[in-house]
Amino acid sequence: MSALEAGERWLEFSFSTRLRAPAREVWAHASRLSGVNAELAPLARMTSPRAFSGLDLERAPLGTRAFRSWILAFGFLPIDYDDLTLIELEPGRRFLERSPMGTQRVWQHERIVEPAEGGCVVSDRVRFIPRIGLLGPLHLAIFRLAFGLRHRNLRRRFG
């Protein structure tokens, strides 16, 4: 974390969901952009360059920008971008993304998929620093809505 980020106010939230599917199956879904888009549908979709269309997190570079992903509201209206940068990866269990976005100075998303009796638990922790501080509460509400939808779609898919 840079000195600038240390002095900034982080906004954050988290979600956890118990699923009735094996952790490896949920990880295989959640670690691909197609899985992320299935979780975001119909609210949004993230793009990737053709060379990365089938990319799974386990083959992404760590510590450097993998690519710029445009975030499309309802699948077609560009509203933001994410310079997708993975910082840490525990294959099959956890990733930590820390990326600049058009609207966020820093976007940090950690996902953990843990085995549990009868399935697994998926946990997301999101922290961010908005570029325009006054918009922070609005961004927080929108991101909470998006992650609530993601977890609802996970429950629909995996029980």
C-alpha atoms as a PDB file:
ATOM      1  CA  MET A   1       0.000   0.000   0.000  1.00  0.00           C
ATOM      2  CA  SER A   2       1.440   3.406  -0.933  1.00  0.00           C
ATOM      3  CA  ALA A   3       1.659   6.347   1.457  1.00  0.00           C
ATOM      4  CA  LEU A   4      -1.181   8.030  -0.471  1.00  0.00           C
ATOM      5  CA  GLU A   5      -3.450   5.001   0.017  1.00  0.00           C
ATOM      6  CA  ALA A   6      -2.559   4.776   3.709  1.00  0.00           C
ATOM      7  CA  GLY A   7      -3.932   8.290   4.271  1.00  0.00           C
ATOM      8  CA  GLU A   8      -7.091   7.685   2.237  1.00  0.00           C
ATOM      9  CA  ARG A   9     -10.337   6.327   3.593  1.00  0.00           C
ATOM     10  CA  TRP A  10     -11.064   2.806   2.400  1.00  0.00           C
ATOM     11  CA  LEU A  11     -14.688   1.770   1.930  1.00  0.00           C
ATOM     12  CA  GLU A  12     -15.350  -1.925   2.358  1.00  0.00           C
ATOM     13  CA  PHE A  13     -17.889  -4.724   2.593  1.00  0.00           C
ATOM     14  CA  SER A  14     -17.979  -8.509   2.497  1.00  0.00           C
ATOM     15  CA  PHE A  15     -20.277 -11.396   1.577  1.00  0.00           C
ATOM     16  CA  SER A  16     -20.099 -15.104   2.447  1.00  0.00           C
ATOM     17  CA  THR A  17     -22.285 -17.843   1.010  1.00  0.00           C
ATOM     18  CA  ARG A  18     -22.480 -21.560   1.764  1.00  0.00           C
ATOM     19  CA  LEU A  19     -22.907 -23.676  -1.367  1.00  0.00           C
ATOM     20  CA  ARG A  20     -23.723 -27.359  -1.867  1.00  0.00           C
ATOM     21  CA  ALA A  21     -20.990 -27.950  -4.434  1.00  0.00           C
ATOM     22  CA  PRO A  22     -17.385 -29.076  -3.964  1.00  0.00           C
ATOM     23  CA  ALA A  23     -14.870 -26.254  -3.522  1.00  0.00           C
ATOM     24  CA  ARG A  24     -12.904 -27.357  -6.622  1.00  0.00           C
ATOM     25  CA  GLU A  25     -16.035 -27.068  -8.809  1.00  0.00           C
ATOM     26  CA  VAL A  26     -16.882 -23.607  -7.487  1.00  0.00           C
ATOM     27  CA  TRP A  27     -13.250 -22.483  -7.852  1.00  0.00           C
ATOM     28  CA  ALA A  28     -13.170 -23.684 -11.494  1.00  0.00           C
ATOM     29  CA  HIS A  29     -16.229 -21.518 -12.169  1.00  0.00           C
ATOM     30  CA  ALA A  30     -15.158 -18.492 -10.134  1.00  0.00           C
ATOM     31  CA  SER A  31     -11.600 -18.320 -11.454  1.00  0.00           C
ATOM     32  CA  ARG A  32     -12.622 -17.762 -15.091  1.00  0.00           C
ATOM     33  CA  LEU A  33     -13.950 -14.546 -16.602  1.00  0.00           C
ATOM     34  CA  SER A  34     -16.915 -16.495 -18.014  1.00  0.00           C
ATOM     35  CA  GLY A  35     -17.812 -17.454 -14.433  1.00  0.00           C
ATOM     36  CA  VAL A  36     -17.483 -13.857 -13.242  1.00  0.00           C
ATOM     37  CA  ASN A  37     -19.799 -12.762 -16.056  1.00  0.00           C
ATOM     38  CA  ALA A  38     -22.319 -15.475 -15.165  1.00  0.00           C
ATOM     39  CA  GLU A  39     -22.305 -14.143 -11.598  1.00  0.00           C
ATOM     40  CA  LEU A  40     -22.770 -10.533 -12.733  1.00  0.00           C
ATOM     41  CA  ALA A  41     -25.564 -11.242 -15.241  1.00  0.00           C
ATOM     42  CA  PRO A  42     -27.774  -9.490 -16.137  1.00  0.00           C
ATOM     43  CA  LEU A  43     -26.472  -6.393 -14.309  1.00  0.00           C
ATOM     44  CA  ALA A  44     -23.037  -6.195 -15.925  1.00  0.00           C
ATOM     45  CA  ARG A  45     -20.389  -7.929 -18.000  1.00  0.00           C
ATOM     46  CA  MET A  46     -16.596  -7.613 -18.061  1.00  0.00           C
ATOM     47  CA  THR A  47     -14.641  -7.723 -21.308  1.00  0.00           C
ATOM     48  CA  SER A  48     -11.215  -9.122 -22.092  1.00  0.00           C
ATOM     49  CA  PRO A  49      -8.920  -9.031 -25.117  1.00  0.00           C
ATOM     50  CA  ARG A  50      -9.274 -12.080 -27.388  1.00  0.00           C
ATOM     51  CA  ALA A  51      -5.903 -13.410 -26.202  1.00  0.00           C
ATOM     52  CA  PHE A  52      -7.290 -13.564 -22.657  1.00  0.00           C
ATOM     53  CA  SER A  53     -10.849 -14.717 -23.386  1.00  0.00           C
ATOM     54  CA  GLY A  54     -10.255 -18.200 -21.974  1.00  0.00           C
ATOM     55  CA  LEU A  55      -7.867 -17.057 -19.255  1.00  0.00           C
ATOM     56  CA  ASP A  56      -8.238 -18.562 -15.834  1.00  0.00           C
ATOM     57  CA  LEU A  57      -6.671 -16.881 -12.834  1.00  0.00           C
ATOM     58  CA  GLU A  58      -4.118 -19.631 -12.393  1.00  0.00           C
ATOM     59  CA  ARG A  59      -2.371 -18.535 -15.600  1.00  0.00           C
ATOM     60  CA  ALA A  60      -2.564 -14.774 -15.023  1.00  0.00           C
ATOM     61  CA  PRO A  61       0.619 -12.839 -14.232  1.00  0.00           C
ATOM     62  CA  LEU A  62       1.029 -11.735 -10.609  1.00  0.00           C
ATOM     63  CA  GLY A  63       1.860  -8.161  -9.666  1.00  0.00           C
ATOM     64  CA  THR A  64       1.425  -6.668 -13.133  1.00  0.00           C
ATOM     65  CA  ARG A  65      -1.629  -5.642 -15.100  1.00  0.00           C
ATOM     66  CA  ALA A  66      -2.992  -8.622 -17.050  1.00  0.00           C
ATOM     67  CA  PHE A  67      -5.284  -6.488 -19.230  1.00  0.00           C
ATOM     68  CA  ARG A  68      -7.878  -3.709 -19.184  1.00  0.00           C
ATOM     69  CA  SER A  69     -11.402  -5.015 -18.750  1.00  0.00           C
ATOM     70  CA  TRP A  70     -14.274  -2.749 -19.679  1.00  0.00           C
ATOM     71  CA  ILE A  71     -17.264  -3.043 -17.387  1.00  0.00           C
ATOM     72  CA  LEU A  72     -20.475  -2.937 -19.389  1.00  0.00           C
ATOM     73  CA  ALA A  73     -23.775  -2.173 -17.651  1.00  0.00           C
ATOM     74  CA  PHE A  74     -26.426  -4.662 -18.772  1.00  0.00           C
ATOM     75  CA  GLY A  75     -23.792  -6.196 -21.051  1.00  0.00           C
ATOM     76  CA  PHE A  76     -23.462  -3.312 -23.519  1.00  0.00           C
ATOM     77  CA  LEU A  77     -23.073   0.158 -21.918  1.00  0.00           C
ATOM     78  CA  PRO A  78     -19.463   1.021 -20.926  1.00  0.00           C
ATOM     79  CA  ILE A  79     -19.478   2.473 -17.390  1.00  0.00           C
ATOM     80  CA  ASP A  80     -15.977   1.792 -16.045  1.00  0.00           C
ATOM     81  CA  TYR A  81     -12.773  -0.139 -16.588  1.00  0.00           C
ATOM     82  CA  ASP A  82     -10.623  -2.383 -14.412  1.00  0.00           C
ATOM     83  CA  ASP A  83      -6.877  -2.708 -15.055  1.00  0.00           C
ATOM     84  CA  LEU A  84      -6.999  -6.297 -13.797  1.00  0.00           C
ATOM     85  CA  THR A  85      -3.979  -6.956 -11.566  1.00  0.00           C
ATOM     86  CA  LEU A  86      -3.660 -10.073  -9.436  1.00  0.00           C
ATOM     87  CA  ILE A  87      -1.420  -9.643  -6.406  1.00  0.00           C
ATOM     88  CA  GLU A  88      -1.741 -13.022  -4.673  1.00  0.00           C
ATOM     89  CA  LEU A  89      -3.025 -16.421  -5.738  1.00  0.00           C
ATOM     90  CA  GLU A  90      -3.506 -19.687  -3.883  1.00  0.00           C
ATOM     91  CA  PRO A  91      -4.723 -21.958  -6.720  1.00  0.00           C
ATOM     92  CA  GLY A  92      -7.967 -23.693  -5.895  1.00  0.00           C
ATOM     93  CA  ARG A  93      -8.585 -21.532  -2.827  1.00  0.00           C
ATOM     94  CA  ARG A  94      -7.935 -17.773  -2.941  1.00  0.00           C
ATOM     95  CA  PHE A  95      -7.051 -14.750  -5.020  1.00  0.00           C
ATOM     96  CA  LEU A  96      -6.368 -11.110  -4.226  1.00  0.00           C
ATOM     97  CA  GLU A  97      -6.857  -8.525  -6.949  1.00  0.00           C
ATOM     98  CA  ARG A  98      -5.653  -4.954  -6.408  1.00  0.00           C
ATOM     99  CA  SER A  99      -6.271  -2.799  -9.454  1.00  0.00           C
ATOM    100  CA  PRO A 100      -6.848   0.782 -10.472  1.00  0.00           C
ATOM    101  CA  MET A 101     -10.210   1.445 -12.089  1.00  0.00           C
ATOM    102  CA  GLY A 102     -11.611   4.429 -13.923  1.00  0.00           C
ATOM    103  CA  THR A 103     -13.766   5.357 -10.920  1.00  0.00           C
ATOM    104  CA  GLN A 104     -11.553   3.926  -8.158  1.00  0.00           C
ATOM    105  CA  ARG A 105      -8.026   4.917  -7.243  1.00  0.00           C
ATOM    106  CA  VAL A 106      -7.644   1.430  -5.779  1.00  0.00           C
ATOM    107  CA  TRP A 107      -9.980  -1.570  -6.061  1.00  0.00           C
ATOM    108  CA  GLN A 108      -9.163  -4.607  -3.944  1.00  0.00           C
ATOM    109  CA  HIS A 109     -11.154  -7.843  -4.183  1.00  0.00           C
ATOM    110  CA  GLU A 110     -10.281 -10.971  -2.252  1.00  0.00           C
ATOM    111  CA  ARG A 111     -12.190 -14.196  -2.899  1.00  0.00           C
ATOM    112  CA  ILE A 112     -11.767 -17.323  -0.803  1.00  0.00           C
ATOM    113  CA  VAL A 113     -13.367 -20.687  -1.571  1.00  0.00           C
ATOM    114  CA  GLU A 114     -13.142 -23.008   1.449  1.00  0.00           C
ATOM    115  CA  PRO A 115     -14.326 -26.621   1.694  1.00  0.00           C
ATOM    116  CA  ALA A 116     -17.124 -27.084   4.247  1.00  0.00           C
ATOM    117  CA  GLU A 117     -19.329 -29.970   5.280  1.00  0.00           C
ATOM    118  CA  GLY A 118     -21.663 -30.729   2.362  1.00  0.00           C
ATOM    119  CA  GLY A 119     -19.991 -28.263  -0.013  1.00  0.00           C
ATOM    120  CA  CYS A 120     -18.036 -25.049   0.419  1.00  0.00           C
ATOM    121  CA  VAL A 121     -18.169 -21.434   1.520  1.00  0.00           C
ATOM    122  CA  VAL A 122     -17.407 -18.585  -0.878  1.00  0.00           C
ATOM    123  CA  SER A 123     -16.313 -15.317   0.735  1.00  0.00           C
ATOM    124  CA  ASP A 124     -15.671 -12.002  -0.979  1.00  0.00           C
ATOM    125  CA  ARG A 125     -14.077  -9.022   0.714  1.00  0.00           C
ATOM    126  CA  VAL A 126     -13.985  -5.773  -1.240  1.00  0.00           C
ATOM    127  CA  ARG A 127     -12.125  -2.586  -0.325  1.00  0.00           C
ATOM    128  CA  PHE A 128     -11.785   0.502  -2.495  1.00  0.00           C
ATOM    129  CA  ILE A 129     -10.743   4.131  -2.550  1.00  0.00           C
ATOM    130  CA  PRO A 130     -12.885   6.242  -4.892  1.00  0.00           C
ATOM    131  CA  ARG A 131     -11.218   8.791  -7.141  1.00  0.00           C
ATOM    132  CA  ILE A 132     -13.982  11.235  -6.141  1.00  0.00           C
ATOM    133  CA  GLY A 133     -14.561  10.838  -2.427  1.00  0.00           C
ATOM    134  CA  LEU A 134     -18.088  12.286  -2.477  1.00  0.00           C
ATOM    135  CA  LEU A 135     -19.188   9.431  -4.763  1.00  0.00           C
ATOM    136  CA  GLY A 136     -17.957   6.794  -2.310  1.00  0.00           C
ATOM    137  CA  PRO A 137     -21.374   6.091  -0.722  1.00  0.00           C
ATOM    138  CA  LEU A 138     -22.960   5.708  -4.172  1.00  0.00           C
ATOM    139  CA  HIS A 139     -20.195   3.341  -5.317  1.00  0.00           C
ATOM    140  CA  LEU A 140     -20.525   1.373  -2.084  1.00  0.00           C
ATOM    141  CA  ALA A 141     -24.257   0.875  -2.683  1.00  0.00           C
ATOM    142  CA  ILE A 142     -23.731  -0.157  -6.326  1.00  0.00           C
ATOM    143  CA  PHE A 143     -20.897  -2.578  -5.513  1.00  0.00           C
ATOM    144  CA  ARG A 144     -22.866  -4.145  -2.646  1.00  0.00           C
ATOM    145  CA  LEU A 145     -25.778  -4.633  -5.051  1.00  0.00           C
ATOM    146  CA  ALA A 146     -23.469  -6.233  -7.640  1.00  0.00           C
ATOM    147  CA  PHE A 147     -21.885  -8.615  -5.121  1.00  0.00           C
ATOM    148  CA  GLY A 148     -25.276  -9.454  -3.629  1.00  0.00           C
ATOM    149  CA  LEU A 149     -26.327 -10.438  -7.167  1.00  0.00           C
ATOM    150  CA  ARG A 150     -23.117 -12.435  -7.636  1.00  0.00           C
ATOM    151  CA  HIS A 151     -23.792 -14.450  -4.490  1.00  0.00           C
ATOM    152  CA  ARG A 152     -27.457 -14.937  -5.423  1.00  0.00           C
ATOM    153  CA  ASN A 153     -26.351 -16.263  -8.831  1.00  0.00           C
ATOM    154  CA  LEU A 154     -23.835 -18.556  -7.122  1.00  0.00           C
ATOM    155  CA  ARG A 155     -26.617 -19.986  -4.938  1.00  0.00           C
ATOM    156  CA  ARG A 156     -28.815 -20.521  -8.002  1.00  0.00           C
ATOM    157  CA  ARG A 157     -26.029 -22.342  -9.824  1.00  0.00           C
ATOM    158  CA  PHE A 158     -24.542 -24.386  -6.965  1.00  0.00           C
ATOM    159  CA  GLY A 159     -27.443 -24.703  -4.485  1.00  0.00           C
END
